[in-house]
Amino acid sequence: MGYLVYGGQEFEFEDRLLMHLKFVIGQRLKKQESFFMSWQRGASDGAGRVSLWMSPYATLAFSFSGSREPAYNPHWLKALLAISHTPRGLVVISEEEAETYVKKNPDLM
């Protein structure tokens, strides 16, 4: 498990998901784009949702627990990037949800 560190708070994500989020967030921020990033918290974390306003002017860090970088899933990257451009912003989805999203949107392939 790794951490997205934003505004002095740490948010825990599985390393593989965090690596994909880092790529997508980096793509948006390097273009000086701001957007929301949202996800559902699990029951063990108190349930509910979290939304962060991602801005090129905010301090952001990614901390990974593993020493080896997992392979990227291009469908997951494309789905997350496409979702990040919707009015809801970047909504964290699973790898399986991303595969379904790409199949329903063949223009992303």
N, C-alpha and C. Protein backbone atom coordinates (compact mmCIF):
# COMPACT_ATOMS: atom_id res chain seq x y z
N MET A 1 0.84 -1.18 0.00
CA MET A 1 0.00 0.00 0.00
C MET A 1 0.88 1.24 0.00
N GLY A 2 0.46 2.21 -0.80
CA GLY A 2 1.19 3.46 -0.87
C GLY A 2 0.29 4.61 -0.45
N TYR A 3 0.83 5.82 -0.53
CA TYR A 3 0.07 6.99 -0.09
C TYR A 3 0.14 8.11 -1.11
N LEU A 4 -0.99 8.76 -1.30
CA LEU A 4 -1.06 10.02 -2.00
C LEU A 4 -1.08 11.05 -0.87
N VAL A 5 -0.11 11.94 -0.86
CA VAL A 5 0.00 12.94 0.19
C VAL A 5 -0.42 14.28 -0.41
N TYR A 6 -1.48 14.86 0.15
CA TYR A 6 -2.05 16.08 -0.41
C TYR A 6 -2.55 16.96 0.74
N GLY A 7 -2.10 18.19 0.74
CA GLY A 7 -2.54 19.12 1.78
C GLY A 7 -2.21 18.66 3.18
N GLY A 8 -1.10 17.97 3.33
CA GLY A 8 -0.69 17.49 4.65
C GLY A 8 -1.41 16.23 5.11
N GLN A 9 -2.31 15.69 4.29
CA GLN A 9 -3.02 14.46 4.63
C GLN A 9 -2.53 13.32 3.76
N GLU A 10 -2.53 12.13 4.32
CA GLU A 10 -2.15 10.93 3.58
C GLU A 10 -3.39 10.11 3.26
N PHE A 11 -3.50 9.69 2.01
CA PHE A 11 -4.60 8.85 1.56
C PHE A 11 -4.01 7.57 1.02
N GLU A 12 -4.44 6.44 1.58
CA GLU A 12 -3.85 5.15 1.24
C GLU A 12 -4.50 4.53 0.01
N PHE A 13 -3.66 4.06 -0.90
CA PHE A 13 -4.09 3.35 -2.10
C PHE A 13 -3.15 2.18 -2.34
N GLU A 14 -3.63 1.16 -2.99
CA GLU A 14 -2.79 0.04 -3.39
C GLU A 14 -1.78 0.58 -4.40
N ASP A 15 -0.54 0.11 -4.34
CA ASP A 15 0.56 0.63 -5.17
C ASP A 15 0.23 0.65 -6.66
N ARG A 16 -0.37 -0.42 -7.17
CA ARG A 16 -0.64 -0.49 -8.61
C ARG A 16 -1.64 0.60 -9.02
N LEU A 17 -2.69 0.78 -8.24
CA LEU A 17 -3.66 1.85 -8.51
C LEU A 17 -2.99 3.21 -8.38
N LEU A 18 -2.21 3.40 -7.35
CA LEU A 18 -1.54 4.68 -7.11
C LEU A 18 -0.62 5.05 -8.27
N MET A 19 0.05 4.06 -8.84
CA MET A 19 0.94 4.31 -9.97
C MET A 19 0.14 4.83 -11.17
N HIS A 20 -1.03 4.25 -11.42
CA HIS A 20 -1.88 4.70 -12.52
C HIS A 20 -2.44 6.10 -12.24
N LEU A 21 -2.82 6.36 -11.00
CA LEU A 21 -3.31 7.69 -10.63
C LEU A 21 -2.21 8.74 -10.80
N LYS A 22 -1.00 8.39 -10.41
CA LYS A 22 0.13 9.31 -10.55
C LYS A 22 0.32 9.72 -12.01
N PHE A 23 0.23 8.75 -12.90
CA PHE A 23 0.40 9.04 -14.32
C PHE A 23 -0.69 10.00 -14.81
N VAL A 24 -1.95 9.69 -14.51
CA VAL A 24 -3.07 10.50 -14.98
C VAL A 24 -3.04 11.90 -14.36
N ILE A 25 -2.82 11.97 -13.07
CA ILE A 25 -2.74 13.28 -12.40
C ILE A 25 -1.59 14.09 -12.98
N GLY A 26 -0.46 13.44 -13.20
CA GLY A 26 0.69 14.13 -13.78
C GLY A 26 0.39 14.68 -15.16
N GLN A 27 -0.32 13.91 -15.98
CA GLN A 27 -0.68 14.37 -17.33
C GLN A 27 -1.54 15.63 -17.27
N ARG A 28 -2.48 15.67 -16.34
CA ARG A 28 -3.37 16.83 -16.23
C ARG A 28 -2.64 18.04 -15.65
N LEU A 29 -1.86 17.81 -14.60
CA LEU A 29 -1.20 18.94 -13.93
C LEU A 29 -0.09 19.56 -14.78
N LYS A 30 0.58 18.76 -15.59
CA LYS A 30 1.64 19.33 -16.43
C LYS A 30 1.06 20.26 -17.49
N LYS A 31 -0.24 20.13 -17.77
CA LYS A 31 -0.93 21.04 -18.70
C LYS A 31 -1.58 22.21 -17.94
N GLN A 32 -1.24 22.33 -16.65
CA GLN A 32 -1.78 23.40 -15.80
C GLN A 32 -3.29 23.30 -15.65
N GLU A 33 -3.83 22.08 -15.67
CA GLU A 33 -5.26 21.87 -15.51
C GLU A 33 -5.59 21.50 -14.08
N SER A 34 -6.66 22.05 -13.56
CA SER A 34 -7.17 21.71 -12.24
C SER A 34 -8.42 20.86 -12.41
N PHE A 35 -8.68 19.98 -11.44
CA PHE A 35 -9.82 19.07 -11.54
C PHE A 35 -10.06 18.43 -10.18
N PHE A 36 -11.25 17.86 -10.00
CA PHE A 36 -11.53 17.08 -8.81
C PHE A 36 -11.06 15.65 -8.99
N MET A 37 -10.64 15.04 -7.91
CA MET A 37 -10.36 13.60 -7.86
C MET A 37 -11.21 13.05 -6.72
N SER A 38 -12.00 12.02 -7.00
CA SER A 38 -12.92 11.47 -6.00
C SER A 38 -12.81 9.96 -5.94
N TRP A 39 -13.14 9.42 -4.75
CA TRP A 39 -13.19 7.98 -4.58
C TRP A 39 -14.07 7.63 -3.40
N GLN A 40 -14.49 6.38 -3.37
CA GLN A 40 -15.29 5.85 -2.27
C GLN A 40 -14.35 5.30 -1.21
N ARG A 41 -14.64 5.63 0.04
CA ARG A 41 -13.88 5.03 1.14
C ARG A 41 -14.54 3.72 1.53
N GLY A 42 -13.72 2.77 1.93
CA GLY A 42 -14.24 1.49 2.39
C GLY A 42 -14.86 1.60 3.77
N ALA A 43 -15.61 0.58 4.14
CA ALA A 43 -16.27 0.57 5.45
C ALA A 43 -15.26 0.68 6.58
N SER A 44 -14.07 0.08 6.40
CA SER A 44 -13.04 0.14 7.45
C SER A 44 -12.48 1.55 7.62
N ASP A 45 -12.69 2.41 6.62
CA ASP A 45 -12.22 3.80 6.68
C ASP A 45 -13.35 4.77 7.01
N GLY A 46 -14.50 4.24 7.40
CA GLY A 46 -15.62 5.09 7.76
C GLY A 46 -16.62 5.31 6.65
N ALA A 47 -16.45 4.63 5.51
CA ALA A 47 -17.33 4.74 4.35
C ALA A 47 -17.40 6.17 3.84
N GLY A 48 -18.31 6.44 2.92
CA GLY A 48 -18.45 7.78 2.36
C GLY A 48 -17.54 8.01 1.17
N ARG A 49 -17.45 9.27 0.76
CA ARG A 49 -16.64 9.66 -0.38
C ARG A 49 -15.63 10.72 0.02
N VAL A 50 -14.57 10.78 -0.76
CA VAL A 50 -13.55 11.82 -0.60
C VAL A 50 -13.39 12.50 -1.95
N SER A 51 -13.30 13.81 -1.96
CA SER A 51 -13.00 14.57 -3.18
C SER A 51 -11.91 15.57 -2.86
N LEU A 52 -10.91 15.62 -3.73
CA LEU A 52 -9.81 16.57 -3.60
C LEU A 52 -9.79 17.46 -4.83
N TRP A 53 -9.50 18.73 -4.65
CA TRP A 53 -9.31 19.64 -5.77
C TRP A 53 -7.83 19.58 -6.14
N MET A 54 -7.53 19.00 -7.28
CA MET A 54 -6.16 18.86 -7.74
C MET A 54 -5.78 20.10 -8.54
N SER A 55 -4.72 20.74 -8.13
CA SER A 55 -4.29 21.98 -8.76
C SER A 55 -2.79 21.94 -8.97
N PRO A 56 -2.30 22.55 -10.05
CA PRO A 56 -0.86 22.59 -10.28
C PRO A 56 -0.12 23.37 -9.19
N TYR A 57 -0.86 24.12 -8.38
CA TYR A 57 -0.23 24.94 -7.34
C TYR A 57 -0.25 24.29 -5.96
N ALA A 58 -0.79 23.09 -5.88
CA ALA A 58 -0.86 22.38 -4.60
C ALA A 58 0.34 21.45 -4.46
N THR A 59 0.73 21.21 -3.23
CA THR A 59 1.81 20.27 -2.96
C THR A 59 1.24 18.86 -2.97
N LEU A 60 1.86 18.00 -3.74
CA LEU A 60 1.38 16.64 -3.95
C LEU A 60 2.57 15.69 -3.95
N ALA A 61 2.40 14.55 -3.29
CA ALA A 61 3.47 13.55 -3.28
C ALA A 61 2.85 12.16 -3.37
N PHE A 62 3.62 11.23 -3.91
CA PHE A 62 3.21 9.83 -4.01
C PHE A 62 4.28 9.01 -3.31
N SER A 63 3.86 8.18 -2.39
CA SER A 63 4.79 7.34 -1.65
C SER A 63 4.37 5.88 -1.85
N PHE A 64 5.27 5.09 -2.43
CA PHE A 64 4.97 3.69 -2.73
C PHE A 64 5.68 2.78 -1.74
N SER A 65 5.00 1.70 -1.37
CA SER A 65 5.61 0.78 -0.41
C SER A 65 6.51 -0.24 -1.11
N GLY A 66 6.18 -0.59 -2.34
CA GLY A 66 6.98 -1.57 -3.07
C GLY A 66 8.17 -0.94 -3.75
N SER A 67 9.21 -1.73 -3.95
CA SER A 67 10.41 -1.22 -4.61
C SER A 67 10.37 -1.42 -6.12
N ARG A 68 9.48 -2.28 -6.59
CA ARG A 68 9.39 -2.56 -8.03
C ARG A 68 8.15 -1.90 -8.59
N GLU A 69 8.32 -1.27 -9.74
CA GLU A 69 7.19 -0.61 -10.39
C GLU A 69 6.40 -1.64 -11.20
N PRO A 70 5.11 -1.78 -10.91
CA PRO A 70 4.31 -2.73 -11.69
C PRO A 70 4.12 -2.25 -13.12
N ALA A 71 3.70 -3.15 -13.99
CA ALA A 71 3.45 -2.78 -15.39
C ALA A 71 2.17 -1.95 -15.49
N TYR A 72 2.18 -0.99 -16.40
CA TYR A 72 1.00 -0.18 -16.64
C TYR A 72 -0.02 -0.98 -17.45
N ASN A 73 -1.30 -0.74 -17.17
CA ASN A 73 -2.38 -1.27 -17.98
C ASN A 73 -2.88 -0.11 -18.83
N PRO A 74 -2.63 -0.13 -20.16
CA PRO A 74 -3.01 1.00 -21.00
C PRO A 74 -4.51 1.29 -20.99
N HIS A 75 -5.35 0.25 -20.84
CA HIS A 75 -6.79 0.48 -20.77
C HIS A 75 -7.17 1.24 -19.50
N TRP A 76 -6.53 0.90 -18.41
CA TRP A 76 -6.81 1.58 -17.14
C TRP A 76 -6.39 3.04 -17.24
N LEU A 77 -5.23 3.29 -17.82
CA LEU A 77 -4.77 4.68 -18.00
C LEU A 77 -5.72 5.47 -18.88
N LYS A 78 -6.14 4.88 -20.01
CA LYS A 78 -7.05 5.57 -20.93
C LYS A 78 -8.39 5.86 -20.27
N ALA A 79 -8.92 4.90 -19.54
CA ALA A 79 -10.21 5.10 -18.87
C ALA A 79 -10.11 6.18 -17.81
N LEU A 80 -9.08 6.12 -16.96
CA LEU A 80 -8.92 7.14 -15.92
C LEU A 80 -8.73 8.53 -16.52
N LEU A 81 -7.94 8.62 -17.57
CA LEU A 81 -7.70 9.91 -18.21
C LEU A 81 -8.99 10.45 -18.83
N ALA A 82 -9.74 9.59 -19.51
CA ALA A 82 -11.01 10.02 -20.11
C ALA A 82 -11.99 10.48 -19.04
N ILE A 83 -12.09 9.72 -17.97
CA ILE A 83 -13.00 10.07 -16.88
C ILE A 83 -12.59 11.40 -16.24
N SER A 84 -11.29 11.65 -16.17
CA SER A 84 -10.81 12.88 -15.52
C SER A 84 -11.26 14.13 -16.26
N HIS A 85 -11.66 13.99 -17.52
CA HIS A 85 -12.11 15.13 -18.33
C HIS A 85 -13.62 15.31 -18.29
N THR A 86 -14.32 14.51 -17.50
CA THR A 86 -15.77 14.66 -17.37
C THR A 86 -16.07 15.70 -16.29
N PRO A 87 -17.31 16.17 -16.22
CA PRO A 87 -17.66 17.15 -15.17
C PRO A 87 -17.40 16.66 -13.75
N ARG A 88 -17.46 15.36 -13.51
CA ARG A 88 -17.19 14.82 -12.17
C ARG A 88 -15.71 14.81 -11.83
N GLY A 89 -14.86 14.90 -12.84
CA GLY A 89 -13.42 14.85 -12.61
C GLY A 89 -12.95 13.41 -12.54
N LEU A 90 -11.74 13.23 -12.05
CA LEU A 90 -11.12 11.91 -11.96
C LEU A 90 -11.79 11.11 -10.84
N VAL A 91 -12.55 10.11 -11.24
CA VAL A 91 -13.19 9.21 -10.28
C VAL A 91 -12.37 7.93 -10.29
N VAL A 92 -11.90 7.52 -9.14
CA VAL A 92 -11.07 6.32 -9.03
C VAL A 92 -11.93 5.10 -9.29
N ILE A 93 -11.52 4.30 -10.28
CA ILE A 93 -12.21 3.06 -10.61
C ILE A 93 -11.20 1.92 -10.59
N SER A 94 -11.71 0.72 -10.44
CA SER A 94 -10.85 -0.46 -10.41
C SER A 94 -10.37 -0.80 -11.81
N GLU A 95 -9.41 -1.67 -11.88
CA GLU A 95 -8.88 -2.12 -13.16
C GLU A 95 -9.97 -2.81 -13.98
N GLU A 96 -10.81 -3.59 -13.31
CA GLU A 96 -11.89 -4.29 -13.99
C GLU A 96 -12.92 -3.29 -14.52
N GLU A 97 -13.25 -2.28 -13.74
CA GLU A 97 -14.19 -1.25 -14.20
C GLU A 97 -13.62 -0.50 -15.40
N ALA A 98 -12.31 -0.29 -15.40
CA ALA A 98 -11.67 0.40 -16.52
C ALA A 98 -11.77 -0.43 -17.80
N GLU A 99 -11.58 -1.73 -17.68
CA GLU A 99 -11.69 -2.60 -18.86
C GLU A 99 -13.10 -2.52 -19.44
N THR A 100 -14.11 -2.53 -18.58
CA THR A 100 -15.50 -2.41 -19.03
C THR A 100 -15.74 -1.06 -19.67
N TYR A 101 -15.19 0.00 -19.07
CA TYR A 101 -15.35 1.36 -19.59
C TYR A 101 -14.77 1.47 -21.00
N VAL A 102 -13.60 0.91 -21.21
CA VAL A 102 -12.95 0.97 -22.51
C VAL A 102 -13.75 0.18 -23.55
N LYS A 103 -14.28 -0.98 -23.15
CA LYS A 103 -15.08 -1.79 -24.08
C LYS A 103 -16.35 -1.04 -24.50
N LYS A 104 -16.92 -0.26 -23.58
CA LYS A 104 -18.14 0.51 -23.89
C LYS A 104 -17.81 1.78 -24.67
N ASN A 105 -16.55 2.17 -24.70
CA ASN A 105 -16.10 3.37 -25.41
C ASN A 105 -14.96 2.99 -26.35
N PRO A 106 -15.27 2.31 -27.47
CA PRO A 106 -14.22 1.78 -28.35
C PRO A 106 -13.30 2.86 -28.93
N ASP A 107 -13.73 4.12 -28.92
CA ASP A 107 -12.87 5.18 -29.41
C ASP A 107 -11.63 5.36 -28.54
N LEU A 108 -11.63 4.80 -27.34
CA LEU A 108 -10.46 4.88 -26.45
C LEU A 108 -9.41 3.83 -26.78
N MET A 109 -9.78 2.82 -27.54
CA MET A 109 -8.86 1.72 -27.81
C MET A 109 -7.80 2.09 -28.80
